[in-house]
């Protein structure tokens, strides 16, 4: 058995949860915060059999697309100059697959 851990941007999580549910996968949803942009994201924990890992990763890949977004860089303390917004890629997902050595549902 494997645990798929997917960090997903908040804009994508509801669509991904629907896709997973429609394909008979369940997930545990945890609120989290991204480090780079300090924006809200969601971590999904998805337990699957070894044979289903590829399908789950493909569903995540199809659902969580990257897109461009303008962000204002943080100004340094005491600096009144605000640099112009820059364009960065956001979205997509960060996915880890880990081995589950024990599973118990109570």
Protein backbone atom coordinates (compact mmCIF):
# COMPACT_ATOMS: atom_id res chain seq x y z
CA UNK A 1 0.00 0.00 0.00
CA UNK A 2 1.14 3.56 -0.73
CA UNK A 3 0.32 7.01 0.60
CA UNK A 4 0.14 9.72 -2.04
CA UNK A 5 0.75 13.11 -0.44
CA UNK A 6 -0.23 15.97 -2.75
CA UNK A 7 0.23 19.65 -1.96
CA UNK A 8 -2.26 21.51 -4.16
CA UNK A 9 -3.10 25.19 -4.53
CA UNK A 10 -6.44 26.15 -2.98
CA UNK A 11 -7.85 27.12 -6.39
CA UNK A 12 -7.40 23.52 -7.62
CA UNK A 13 -8.35 21.46 -4.59
CA UNK A 14 -12.15 21.31 -4.99
CA UNK A 15 -11.87 20.24 -8.62
CA UNK A 16 -9.26 17.61 -7.70
CA UNK A 17 -11.37 16.25 -4.84
CA UNK A 18 -14.32 15.87 -7.22
CA UNK A 19 -12.16 14.07 -9.79
CA UNK A 20 -10.77 11.74 -7.12
CA UNK A 21 -14.25 11.01 -5.71
CA UNK A 22 -15.65 10.40 -9.21
CA UNK A 23 -12.89 7.80 -9.67
CA UNK A 24 -13.63 6.11 -6.30
CA UNK A 25 -10.66 7.50 -4.37
CA UNK A 26 -11.00 9.10 -0.96
CA UNK A 27 -8.66 11.70 0.49
CA UNK A 28 -8.00 13.40 3.78
CA UNK A 29 -7.77 17.18 3.36
CA UNK A 30 -5.36 19.25 5.47
CA UNK A 31 -5.02 23.04 5.31
CA UNK A 32 -1.43 24.17 4.76
CA UNK A 33 0.56 27.20 3.63
CA UNK A 34 3.07 27.40 0.81
CA UNK A 35 6.54 28.71 1.60
CA UNK A 36 7.42 30.79 -1.47
CA UNK A 37 4.30 32.91 -1.95
CA UNK A 38 2.94 32.26 1.56
CA UNK A 39 -0.46 31.53 0.06
CA UNK A 40 -2.96 28.96 1.21
CA UNK A 41 -2.76 25.50 -0.20
CA UNK A 42 -4.12 22.12 0.72
CA UNK A 43 -2.36 18.86 1.44
CA UNK A 44 -4.25 15.73 0.43
CA UNK A 45 -3.46 12.32 1.88
CA UNK A 46 -4.61 9.55 -0.47
CA UNK A 47 -4.13 5.90 0.48
CA UNK A 48 -4.02 3.56 -2.53
CA UNK A 49 -2.84 0.12 -3.54
CA UNK A 50 0.49 -0.06 -5.36
CA UNK A 51 -1.30 -0.68 -8.67
CA UNK A 52 -3.36 2.53 -8.39
CA UNK A 53 -0.49 5.00 -7.77
CA UNK A 54 0.04 5.79 -11.46
CA UNK A 55 -3.66 6.47 -12.02
CA UNK A 56 -3.87 8.81 -9.02
CA UNK A 57 -0.75 10.70 -10.14
CA UNK A 58 -2.22 11.06 -13.63
CA UNK A 59 -5.52 12.42 -12.22
CA UNK A 60 -3.55 14.98 -10.20
CA UNK A 61 -1.47 15.93 -13.25
CA UNK A 62 -4.56 16.41 -15.44
CA UNK A 63 -6.41 18.46 -12.82
CA UNK A 64 -3.74 20.69 -11.28
CA UNK A 65 -2.30 22.80 -14.08
CA UNK A 66 0.29 25.54 -13.65
CA UNK A 67 -0.63 29.10 -14.58
CA UNK A 68 0.98 32.53 -14.49
CA UNK A 69 0.21 35.03 -11.73
CA UNK A 70 1.47 38.52 -10.93
CA UNK A 71 2.84 38.92 -7.41
CA UNK A 72 4.31 41.92 -5.62
CA UNK A 73 7.69 41.14 -4.09
CA UNK A 74 8.01 41.83 -0.37
CA UNK A 75 9.81 45.13 0.28
CA UNK A 76 12.56 45.26 2.87
CA UNK A 77 11.83 46.84 6.26
CA UNK A 78 12.23 50.60 6.13
CA UNK A 79 12.32 50.69 2.32
CA UNK A 80 9.53 52.79 0.87
CA UNK A 81 10.27 51.63 -2.68
CA UNK A 82 7.80 49.00 -3.92
CA UNK A 83 9.16 47.09 -6.91
CA UNK A 84 6.88 46.31 -9.83
CA UNK A 85 4.93 43.03 -9.68
CA UNK A 86 6.64 40.04 -11.25
CA UNK A 87 5.10 37.12 -13.09
CA UNK A 88 5.57 33.67 -11.52
CA UNK A 89 4.24 30.19 -12.27
CA UNK A 90 1.75 28.92 -9.68
CA UNK A 91 -0.49 25.92 -9.44
CA UNK A 92 0.33 22.38 -10.32
CA UNK A 93 1.01 20.06 -7.43
CA UNK A 94 3.88 18.69 -5.40
CA UNK A 95 3.42 14.96 -4.97
CA UNK A 96 5.18 12.46 -2.73
CA UNK A 97 4.53 8.72 -2.77
CA UNK A 98 5.56 6.85 0.37
CA UNK A 99 5.33 3.23 1.45
CA UNK A 100 2.72 2.41 4.10
CA UNK A 101 3.94 -0.35 6.37
CA UNK A 102 0.82 -0.51 8.51
CA UNK A 103 -2.80 0.57 8.07
CA UNK A 104 -5.51 0.42 10.69
CA UNK A 105 -9.02 1.83 10.41
CA UNK A 106 -10.84 2.05 13.74
